[in-house]
Amino acid sequence: MERDDIRVLVDRLSRAHASGGRVISRAAIMAEGNIDAAAVVAWILEHDGQPEAGASAAPGSGLHTRRGGDAVTAEGRPPVRYVLPASAFGAVDPPD
């Protein structure tokens, strides 16, 4: 996938963010189908995109809380969204 194609894809899948930049969800990237999702995430990170800080899950005792023996932790999961600055879409990438 060409870098300009990735920029267009990210621009299309993202939406305005309160910071003035854009936000794109990992689910939108994955749902796009036949693309190199790792290349898209790499492009986002190269353009100063940052994983959005998620809300920390407070321990609870309800039916749907994690059990003490569960191996999956919030820190081990990929970010839900990435936040990009407005400058990420300002210029077309130079050819490789």
PDB file of N, CA and C in Angstrom:
ATOM      1  N   MET A   1       0.858  -1.175   0.000  1.00  0.00           N
ATOM      2  CA  MET A   1       0.000   0.000   0.000  1.00  0.00           C
ATOM      3  C   MET A   1       0.901   1.234   0.000  1.00  0.00           C
ATOM      4  N   GLU A   2       0.649   2.135  -0.908  1.00  0.00           N
ATOM      5  CA  GLU A   2       1.443   3.362  -1.027  1.00  0.00           C
ATOM      6  C   GLU A   2       1.151   4.302   0.135  1.00  0.00           C
ATOM      7  N   ARG A   3       2.126   5.131   0.469  1.00  0.00           N
ATOM      8  CA  ARG A   3       2.000   6.044   1.608  1.00  0.00           C
ATOM      9  C   ARG A   3       0.871   7.061   1.391  1.00  0.00           C
ATOM     10  N   ASP A   4       0.718   7.547   0.169  1.00  0.00           N
ATOM     11  CA  ASP A   4      -0.383   8.485  -0.105  1.00  0.00           C
ATOM     12  C   ASP A   4      -1.737   7.799   0.030  1.00  0.00           C
ATOM     13  N   ASP A   5      -1.794   6.522  -0.347  1.00  0.00           N
ATOM     14  CA  ASP A   5      -3.028   5.756  -0.185  1.00  0.00           C
ATOM     15  C   ASP A   5      -3.371   5.593   1.297  1.00  0.00           C
ATOM     16  N   ILE A   6      -2.349   5.391   2.110  1.00  0.00           N
ATOM     17  CA  ILE A   6      -2.572   5.268   3.554  1.00  0.00           C
ATOM     18  C   ILE A   6      -3.091   6.585   4.109  1.00  0.00           C
ATOM     19  N   ARG A   7      -2.501   7.710   3.683  1.00  0.00           N
ATOM     20  CA  ARG A   7      -2.949   9.022   4.160  1.00  0.00           C
ATOM     21  C   ARG A   7      -4.419   9.239   3.815  1.00  0.00           C
ATOM     22  N   VAL A   8      -4.810   8.910   2.601  1.00  0.00           N
ATOM     23  CA  VAL A   8      -6.202   9.064   2.170  1.00  0.00           C
ATOM     24  C   VAL A   8      -7.112   8.162   2.992  1.00  0.00           C
ATOM     25  N   LEU A   9      -6.680   6.924   3.228  1.00  0.00           N
ATOM     26  CA  LEU A   9      -7.459   5.981   4.025  1.00  0.00           C
ATOM     27  C   LEU A   9      -7.656   6.495   5.449  1.00  0.00           C
ATOM     28  N   VAL A  10      -6.574   6.942   6.076  1.00  0.00           N
ATOM     29  CA  VAL A  10      -6.658   7.443   7.449  1.00  0.00           C
ATOM     30  C   VAL A  10      -7.546   8.680   7.502  1.00  0.00           C
ATOM     31  N   ASP A  11      -7.434   9.556   6.524  1.00  0.00           N
ATOM     32  CA  ASP A  11      -8.273  10.752   6.476  1.00  0.00           C
ATOM     33  C   ASP A  11      -9.749  10.372   6.352  1.00  0.00           C
ATOM     34  N   ARG A  12     -10.026   9.371   5.535  1.00  0.00           N
ATOM     35  CA  ARG A  12     -11.411   8.941   5.328  1.00  0.00           C
ATOM     36  C   ARG A  12     -12.000   8.261   6.567  1.00  0.00           C
ATOM     37  N   LEU A  13     -11.198   7.458   7.256  1.00  0.00           N
ATOM     38  CA  LEU A  13     -11.700   6.693   8.397  1.00  0.00           C
ATOM     39  C   LEU A  13     -11.698   7.479   9.706  1.00  0.00           C
ATOM     40  N   SER A  14     -10.966   8.572   9.759  1.00  0.00           N
ATOM     41  CA  SER A  14     -10.856   9.325  11.018  1.00  0.00           C
ATOM     42  C   SER A  14     -11.945  10.387  11.108  1.00  0.00           C
ATOM     43  N   ARG A  15     -12.080  10.939  12.298  1.00  0.00           N
ATOM     44  CA  ARG A  15     -13.052  12.010  12.533  1.00  0.00           C
ATOM     45  C   ARG A  15     -12.400  13.081  13.391  1.00  0.00           C
ATOM     46  N   ALA A  16     -13.058  14.218  13.489  1.00  0.00           N
ATOM     47  CA  ALA A  16     -12.521  15.334  14.268  1.00  0.00           C
ATOM     48  C   ALA A  16     -12.368  14.940  15.733  1.00  0.00           C
ATOM     49  N   HIS A  17     -11.316  15.469  16.363  1.00  0.00           N
ATOM     50  CA  HIS A  17     -11.050  15.218  17.774  1.00  0.00           C
ATOM     51  C   HIS A  17     -11.055  16.547  18.510  1.00  0.00           C
ATOM     52  N   ALA A  18     -11.360  16.526  19.776  1.00  0.00           N
ATOM     53  CA  ALA A  18     -11.427  17.745  20.580  1.00  0.00           C
ATOM     54  C   ALA A  18     -10.105  18.507  20.613  1.00  0.00           C
ATOM     55  N   SER A  19      -8.996  17.834  20.363  1.00  0.00           N
ATOM     56  CA  SER A  19      -7.678  18.466  20.381  1.00  0.00           C
ATOM     57  C   SER A  19      -7.436  19.340  19.154  1.00  0.00           C
ATOM     58  N   GLY A  20      -8.313  19.243  18.159  1.00  0.00           N
ATOM     59  CA  GLY A  20      -8.114  19.964  16.912  1.00  0.00           C
ATOM     60  C   GLY A  20      -7.554  19.077  15.818  1.00  0.00           C
ATOM     61  N   GLY A  21      -7.123  17.893  16.195  1.00  0.00           N
ATOM     62  CA  GLY A  21      -6.606  16.932  15.231  1.00  0.00           C
ATOM     63  C   GLY A  21      -7.691  15.965  14.800  1.00  0.00           C
ATOM     64  N   ARG A  22      -7.297  14.732  14.578  1.00  0.00           N
ATOM     65  CA  ARG A  22      -8.214  13.693  14.137  1.00  0.00           C
ATOM     66  C   ARG A  22      -8.037  12.460  15.020  1.00  0.00           C
ATOM     67  N   VAL A  23      -9.050  11.623  15.089  1.00  0.00           N
ATOM     68  CA  VAL A  23      -8.979  10.380  15.840  1.00  0.00           C
ATOM     69  C   VAL A  23      -9.469   9.255  14.933  1.00  0.00           C
ATOM     70  N   ILE A  24      -8.773   8.130  15.008  1.00  0.00           N
ATOM     71  CA  ILE A  24      -9.152   6.962  14.211  1.00  0.00           C
ATOM     72  C   ILE A  24      -9.174   5.748  15.129  1.00  0.00           C
ATOM     73  N   SER A  25     -10.206   4.947  14.992  1.00  0.00           N
ATOM     74  CA  SER A  25     -10.295   3.773  15.846  1.00  0.00           C
ATOM     75  C   SER A  25      -9.572   2.599  15.192  1.00  0.00           C
ATOM     76  N   ARG A  26      -8.986   1.771  16.020  1.00  0.00           N
ATOM     77  CA  ARG A  26      -8.311   0.572  15.544  1.00  0.00           C
ATOM     78  C   ARG A  26      -9.319  -0.346  14.854  1.00  0.00           C
ATOM     79  N   ALA A  27     -10.552  -0.370  15.356  1.00  0.00           N
ATOM     80  CA  ALA A  27     -11.589  -1.212  14.759  1.00  0.00           C
ATOM     81  C   ALA A  27     -11.881  -0.786  13.319  1.00  0.00           C
ATOM     82  N   ALA A  28     -11.875   0.524  13.051  1.00  0.00           N
ATOM     83  CA  ALA A  28     -12.117   1.007  11.687  1.00  0.00           C
ATOM     84  C   ALA A  28     -11.002   0.553  10.755  1.00  0.00           C
ATOM     85  N   ILE A  29      -9.779   0.580  11.245  1.00  0.00           N
ATOM     86  CA  ILE A  29      -8.642   0.128  10.437  1.00  0.00           C
ATOM     87  C   ILE A  29      -8.783  -1.361  10.136  1.00  0.00           C
ATOM     88  N   MET A  30      -9.072  -2.143  11.159  1.00  0.00           N
ATOM     89  CA  MET A  30      -9.182  -3.592  11.000  1.00  0.00           C
ATOM     90  C   MET A  30     -10.378  -3.972  10.112  1.00  0.00           C
ATOM     91  N   ALA A  31     -11.461  -3.199  10.197  1.00  0.00           N
ATOM     92  CA  ALA A  31     -12.661  -3.503   9.420  1.00  0.00           C
ATOM     93  C   ALA A  31     -12.491  -3.170   7.941  1.00  0.00           C
ATOM     94  N   GLU A  32     -11.469  -2.425   7.616  1.00  0.00           N
ATOM     95  CA  GLU A  32     -11.258  -2.036   6.223  1.00  0.00           C
ATOM     96  C   GLU A  32     -10.959  -3.239   5.338  1.00  0.00           C
ATOM     97  N   GLY A  33     -10.513  -4.318   5.936  1.00  0.00           N
ATOM     98  CA  GLY A  33     -10.356  -5.550   5.173  1.00  0.00           C
ATOM     99  C   GLY A  33      -8.975  -5.757   4.600  1.00  0.00           C
ATOM    100  N   ASN A  34      -8.889  -5.812   3.289  1.00  0.00           N
ATOM    101  CA  ASN A  34      -7.677  -6.225   2.595  1.00  0.00           C
ATOM    102  C   ASN A  34      -6.635  -5.109   2.543  1.00  0.00           C
ATOM    103  N   ILE A  35      -6.133  -4.715   3.710  1.00  0.00           N
ATOM    104  CA  ILE A  35      -5.086  -3.705   3.808  1.00  0.00           C
ATOM    105  C   ILE A  35      -4.017  -4.212   4.774  1.00  0.00           C
ATOM    106  N   ASP A  36      -2.890  -3.569   4.754  1.00  0.00           N
ATOM    107  CA  ASP A  36      -1.819  -3.882   5.703  1.00  0.00           C
ATOM    108  C   ASP A  36      -2.023  -2.992   6.933  1.00  0.00           C
ATOM    109  N   ALA A  37      -2.752  -3.511   7.917  1.00  0.00           N
ATOM    110  CA  ALA A  37      -3.083  -2.722   9.106  1.00  0.00           C
ATOM    111  C   ALA A  37      -1.824  -2.262   9.839  1.00  0.00           C
ATOM    112  N   ALA A  38      -0.789  -3.089   9.857  1.00  0.00           N
ATOM    113  CA  ALA A  38       0.466  -2.701  10.521  1.00  0.00           C
ATOM    114  C   ALA A  38       1.090  -1.504   9.829  1.00  0.00           C
ATOM    115  N   ALA A  39       1.007  -1.434   8.507  1.00  0.00           N
ATOM    116  CA  ALA A  39       1.544  -0.285   7.772  1.00  0.00           C
ATOM    117  C   ALA A  39       0.736   0.978   8.071  1.00  0.00           C
ATOM    118  N   VAL A  40      -0.567   0.838   8.236  1.00  0.00           N
ATOM    119  CA  VAL A  40      -1.413   1.986   8.569  1.00  0.00           C
ATOM    120  C   VAL A  40      -1.055   2.513   9.956  1.00  0.00           C
ATOM    121  N   VAL A  41      -0.919   1.620  10.924  1.00  0.00           N
ATOM    122  CA  VAL A  41      -0.552   2.038  12.279  1.00  0.00           C
ATOM    123  C   VAL A  41       0.846   2.660  12.277  1.00  0.00           C
ATOM    124  N   ALA A  42       1.769   2.090  11.513  1.00  0.00           N
ATOM    125  CA  ALA A  42       3.115   2.666  11.408  1.00  0.00           C
ATOM    126  C   ALA A  42       3.053   4.073  10.839  1.00  0.00           C
ATOM    127  N   TRP A  43       2.224   4.296   9.818  1.00  0.00           N
ATOM    128  CA  TRP A  43       2.064   5.632   9.236  1.00  0.00           C
ATOM    129  C   TRP A  43       1.542   6.607  10.286  1.00  0.00           C
ATOM    130  N   ILE A  44       0.554   6.162  11.058  1.00  0.00           N
ATOM    131  CA  ILE A  44      -0.026   7.006  12.105  1.00  0.00           C
ATOM    132  C   ILE A  44       1.052   7.413  13.106  1.00  0.00           C
ATOM    133  N   LEU A  45       1.841   6.451  13.571  1.00  0.00           N
ATOM    134  CA  LEU A  45       2.885   6.732  14.559  1.00  0.00           C
ATOM    135  C   LEU A  45       3.984   7.618  13.976  1.00  0.00           C
ATOM    136  N   GLU A  46       4.322   7.424  12.706  1.00  0.00           N
ATOM    137  CA  GLU A  46       5.331   8.262  12.045  1.00  0.00           C
ATOM    138  C   GLU A  46       4.874   9.711  11.901  1.00  0.00           C
ATOM    139  N   HIS A  47       3.568   9.930  11.905  1.00  0.00           N
ATOM    140  CA  HIS A  47       3.019  11.272  11.763  1.00  0.00           C
ATOM    141  C   HIS A  47       2.534  11.828  13.097  1.00  0.00           C
ATOM    142  N   ASP A  48       3.247  11.458  14.150  1.00  0.00           N
ATOM    143  CA  ASP A  48       2.999  11.949  15.507  1.00  0.00           C
ATOM    144  C   ASP A  48       1.651  11.542  16.080  1.00  0.00           C
ATOM    145  N   GLY A  49       1.058  10.490  15.542  1.00  0.00           N
ATOM    146  CA  GLY A  49      -0.154   9.959  16.134  1.00  0.00           C
ATOM    147  C   GLY A  49       0.186   9.261  17.441  1.00  0.00           C
ATOM    148  N   GLN A  50      -0.695   9.370  18.396  1.00  0.00           N
ATOM    149  CA  GLN A  50      -0.478   8.784  19.712  1.00  0.00           C
ATOM    150  C   GLN A  50      -1.648   7.892  20.090  1.00  0.00           C
ATOM    151  N   PRO A  51      -1.366   6.758  20.709  1.00  0.00           N
ATOM    152  CA  PRO A  51      -2.472   5.939  21.223  1.00  0.00           C
ATOM    153  C   PRO A  51      -3.255   6.760  22.248  1.00  0.00           C
ATOM    154  N   GLU A  52      -4.563   6.728  22.143  1.00  0.00           N
ATOM    155  CA  GLU A  52      -5.398   7.471  23.081  1.00  0.00           C
ATOM    156  C   GLU A  52      -5.349   6.790  24.439  1.00  0.00           C
ATOM    157  N   ALA A  53      -5.177   7.575  25.472  1.00  0.00           N
ATOM    158  CA  ALA A  53      -5.147   7.023  26.824  1.00  0.00           C
ATOM    159  C   ALA A  53      -6.532   6.499  27.160  1.00  0.00           C
ATOM    160  N   GLY A  54      -6.605   5.232  27.502  1.00  0.00           N
ATOM    161  CA  GLY A  54      -7.884   4.614  27.829  1.00  0.00           C
ATOM    162  C   GLY A  54      -8.232   4.819  29.287  1.00  0.00           C
ATOM    163  N   ALA A  55      -9.479   4.648  29.582  1.00  0.00           N
ATOM    164  CA  ALA A  55      -9.911   4.718  30.973  1.00  0.00           C
ATOM    165  C   ALA A  55      -9.458   3.460  31.687  1.00  0.00           C
ATOM    166  N   SER A  56      -8.924   3.617  32.864  1.00  0.00           N
ATOM    167  CA  SER A  56      -8.480   2.438  33.599  1.00  0.00           C
ATOM    168  C   SER A  56      -9.690   1.744  34.207  1.00  0.00           C
ATOM    169  N   ALA A  57      -9.666   0.456  34.142  1.00  0.00           N
ATOM    170  CA  ALA A  57     -10.774  -0.318  34.675  1.00  0.00           C
ATOM    171  C   ALA A  57     -10.577  -0.518  36.174  1.00  0.00           C
ATOM    172  N   ALA A  58     -11.521  -0.036  36.937  1.00  0.00           N
ATOM    173  CA  ALA A  58     -11.454  -0.204  38.388  1.00  0.00           C
ATOM    174  C   ALA A  58     -11.930  -1.607  38.734  1.00  0.00           C
ATOM    175  N   PRO A  59     -11.265  -2.254  39.685  1.00  0.00           N
ATOM    176  CA  PRO A  59     -11.713  -3.594  40.053  1.00  0.00           C
ATOM    177  C   PRO A  59     -13.113  -3.541  40.638  1.00  0.00           C
ATOM    178  N   GLY A  60     -13.875  -4.557  40.361  1.00  0.00           N
ATOM    179  CA  GLY A  60     -15.239  -4.610  40.866  1.00  0.00           C
ATOM    180  C   GLY A  60     -15.600  -6.027  41.260  1.00  0.00           C
ATOM    181  N   SER A  61     -16.834  -6.205  41.630  1.00  0.00           N
ATOM    182  CA  SER A  61     -17.259  -7.538  42.037  1.00  0.00           C
ATOM    183  C   SER A  61     -18.511  -7.972  41.290  1.00  0.00           C
ATOM    184  N   GLY A  62     -18.835  -7.299  40.182  1.00  0.00           N
ATOM    185  CA  GLY A  62     -20.039  -7.624  39.438  1.00  0.00           C
ATOM    186  C   GLY A  62     -19.868  -8.834  38.536  1.00  0.00           C
ATOM    187  N   LEU A  63     -20.936  -9.180  37.885  1.00  0.00           N
ATOM    188  CA  LEU A  63     -20.978 -10.350  37.018  1.00  0.00           C
ATOM    189  C   LEU A  63     -19.980 -10.246  35.869  1.00  0.00           C
ATOM    190  N   HIS A  64     -19.779  -9.046  35.313  1.00  0.00           N
ATOM    191  CA  HIS A  64     -18.957  -8.883  34.117  1.00  0.00           C
ATOM    192  C   HIS A  64     -17.557  -8.336  34.397  1.00  0.00           C
ATOM    193  N   THR A  65     -17.090  -8.415  35.610  1.00  0.00           N
ATOM    194  CA  THR A  65     -15.733  -7.981  35.922  1.00  0.00           C
ATOM    195  C   THR A  65     -14.762  -9.126  35.684  1.00  0.00           C
ATOM    196  N   ARG A  66     -13.506  -8.766  35.505  1.00  0.00           N
ATOM    197  CA  ARG A  66     -12.493  -9.799  35.303  1.00  0.00           C
ATOM    198  C   ARG A  66     -12.273 -10.576  36.590  1.00  0.00           C
ATOM    199  N   ARG A  67     -11.953 -11.833  36.450  1.00  0.00           N
ATOM    200  CA  ARG A  67     -11.614 -12.654  37.602  1.00  0.00           C
ATOM    201  C   ARG A  67     -10.143 -12.481  37.915  1.00  0.00           C
ATOM    202  N   GLY A  68      -9.757 -12.729  39.128  1.00  0.00           N
ATOM    203  CA  GLY A  68      -8.372 -12.562  39.548  1.00  0.00           C
ATOM    204  C   GLY A  68      -7.384 -13.374  38.743  1.00  0.00           C
ATOM    205  N   GLY A  69      -7.789 -14.519  38.211  1.00  0.00           N
ATOM    206  CA  GLY A  69      -6.886 -15.373  37.464  1.00  0.00           C
ATOM    207  C   GLY A  69      -6.796 -15.069  35.981  1.00  0.00           C
ATOM    208  N   ASP A  70      -7.564 -14.092  35.482  1.00  0.00           N
ATOM    209  CA  ASP A  70      -7.531 -13.777  34.055  1.00  0.00           C
ATOM    210  C   ASP A  70      -6.150 -13.278  33.650  1.00  0.00           C
ATOM    211  N   ALA A  71      -5.616 -13.801  32.550  1.00  0.00           N
ATOM    212  CA  ALA A  71      -4.275 -13.435  32.097  1.00  0.00           C
ATOM    213  C   ALA A  71      -4.245 -12.144  31.302  1.00  0.00           C
ATOM    214  N   VAL A  72      -5.356 -11.708  30.725  1.00  0.00           N
ATOM    215  CA  VAL A  72      -5.383 -10.513  29.889  1.00  0.00           C
ATOM    216  C   VAL A  72      -5.480  -9.280  30.775  1.00  0.00           C
ATOM    217  N   THR A  73      -4.559  -8.337  30.536  1.00  0.00           N
ATOM    218  CA  THR A  73      -4.594  -7.087  31.285  1.00  0.00           C
ATOM    219  C   THR A  73      -4.836  -5.937  30.324  1.00  0.00           C
ATOM    220  N   ALA A  74      -5.301  -4.834  30.845  1.00  0.00           N
ATOM    221  CA  ALA A  74      -5.546  -3.657  30.012  1.00  0.00           C
ATOM    222  C   ALA A  74      -4.256  -3.182  29.352  1.00  0.00           C
ATOM    223  N   GLU A  75      -3.123  -3.324  30.027  1.00  0.00           N
ATOM    224  CA  GLU A  75      -1.853  -2.856  29.473  1.00  0.00           C
ATOM    225  C   GLU A  75      -1.402  -3.707  28.286  1.00  0.00           C
ATOM    226  N   GLY A  76      -1.847  -4.948  28.216  1.00  0.00           N
ATOM    227  CA  GLY A  76      -1.416  -5.836  27.156  1.00  0.00           C
ATOM    228  C   GLY A  76      -2.247  -5.749  25.884  1.00  0.00           C
ATOM    229  N   ARG A  77      -3.292  -4.988  25.886  1.00  0.00           N
ATOM    230  CA  ARG A  77      -4.165  -4.870  24.723  1.00  0.00           C
ATOM    231  C   ARG A  77      -3.717  -3.724  23.823  1.00  0.00           C
ATOM    232  N   PRO A  78      -3.984  -3.820  22.523  1.00  0.00           N
ATOM    233  CA  PRO A  78      -3.662  -2.695  21.643  1.00  0.00           C
ATOM    234  C   PRO A  78      -4.585  -1.510  21.945  1.00  0.00           C
ATOM    235  N   PRO A  79      -4.154  -0.295  21.609  1.00  0.00           N
ATOM    236  CA  PRO A  79      -5.010   0.866  21.889  1.00  0.00           C
ATOM    237  C   PRO A  79      -6.306   0.802  21.080  1.00  0.00           C
ATOM    238  N   VAL A  80      -7.348   1.387  21.628  1.00  0.00           N
ATOM    239  CA  VAL A  80      -8.646   1.400  20.961  1.00  0.00           C
ATOM    240  C   VAL A  80      -8.644   2.442  19.847  1.00  0.00           C
ATOM    241  N   ARG A  81      -8.007   3.597  20.096  1.00  0.00           N
ATOM    242  CA  ARG A  81      -7.978   4.689  19.126  1.00  0.00           C
ATOM    243  C   ARG A  81      -6.607   5.332  19.092  1.00  0.00           C
ATOM    244  N   TYR A  82      -6.333   6.011  17.980  1.00  0.00           N
ATOM    245  CA  TYR A  82      -5.117   6.807  17.824  1.00  0.00           C
ATOM    246  C   TYR A  82      -5.535   8.240  17.542  1.00  0.00           C
ATOM    247  N   VAL A  83      -4.852   9.197  18.183  1.00  0.00           N
ATOM    248  CA  VAL A  83      -5.119  10.616  17.976  1.00  0.00           C
ATOM    249  C   VAL A  83      -3.975  11.199  17.165  1.00  0.00           C
ATOM    250  N   LEU A  84      -4.324  11.864  16.069  1.00  0.00           N
ATOM    251  CA  LEU A  84      -3.331  12.480  15.188  1.00  0.00           C
ATOM    252  C   LEU A  84      -3.441  13.995  15.267  1.00  0.00           C
ATOM    253  N   PRO A  85      -2.315  14.697  15.185  1.00  0.00           N
ATOM    254  CA  PRO A  85      -2.376  16.152  15.129  1.00  0.00           C
ATOM    255  C   PRO A  85      -2.904  16.594  13.767  1.00  0.00           C
ATOM    256  N   ALA A  86      -3.424  17.801  13.691  1.00  0.00           N
ATOM    257  CA  ALA A  86      -3.940  18.324  12.418  1.00  0.00           C
ATOM    258  C   ALA A  86      -2.846  18.369  11.359  1.00  0.00           C
ATOM    259  N   SER A  87      -1.606  18.546  11.772  1.00  0.00           N
ATOM    260  CA  SER A  87      -0.493  18.645  10.821  1.00  0.00           C
ATOM    261  C   SER A  87      -0.224  17.343  10.074  1.00  0.00           C
ATOM    262  N   ALA A  88      -0.757  16.237  10.534  1.00  0.00           N
ATOM    263  CA  ALA A  88      -0.515  14.948   9.878  1.00  0.00           C
ATOM    264  C   ALA A  88      -1.087  14.902   8.470  1.00  0.00           C
ATOM    265  N   PHE A  89      -2.070  15.734   8.184  1.00  0.00           N
ATOM    266  CA  PHE A  89      -2.726  15.707   6.881  1.00  0.00           C
ATOM    267  C   PHE A  89      -2.378  16.919   6.028  1.00  0.00           C
ATOM    268  N   GLY A  90      -1.438  17.729   6.493  1.00  0.00           N
ATOM    269  CA  GLY A  90      -1.121  18.969   5.793  1.00  0.00           C
ATOM    270  C   GLY A  90      -0.406  18.797   4.477  1.00  0.00           C
ATOM    271  N   ALA A  91       0.508  17.862   4.382  1.00  0.00           N
ATOM    272  CA  ALA A  91       1.311  17.720   3.176  1.00  0.00           C
ATOM    273  C   ALA A  91       1.331  16.281   2.705  1.00  0.00           C
ATOM    274  N   VAL A  92       1.528  16.126   1.437  1.00  0.00           N
ATOM    275  CA  VAL A  92       1.656  14.786   0.853  1.00  0.00           C
ATOM    276  C   VAL A  92       3.045  14.279   1.163  1.00  0.00           C
ATOM    277  N   ASP A  93       3.153  13.001   1.506  1.00  0.00           N
ATOM    278  CA  ASP A  93       4.446  12.403   1.819  1.00  0.00           C
ATOM    279  C   ASP A  93       5.361  12.424   0.606  1.00  0.00           C
ATOM    280  N   PRO A  94       6.657  12.665   0.812  1.00  0.00           N
ATOM    281  CA  PRO A  94       7.585  12.550  -0.306  1.00  0.00           C
ATOM    282  C   PRO A  94       7.726  11.091  -0.708  1.00  0.00           C
ATOM    283  N   PRO A  95       8.049  10.831  -1.977  1.00  0.00           N
ATOM    284  CA  PRO A  95       8.206   9.432  -2.388  1.00  0.00           C
ATOM    285  C   PRO A  95       9.337   8.745  -1.643  1.00  0.00           C
ATOM    286  N   ASP A  96       9.209   7.447  -1.443  1.00  0.00           N
ATOM    287  CA  ASP A  96      10.240   6.678  -0.722  1.00  0.00           C
ATOM    288  C   ASP A  96      11.490   6.537  -1.555  1.00  0.00           C
TER     289      ASP A  96
END
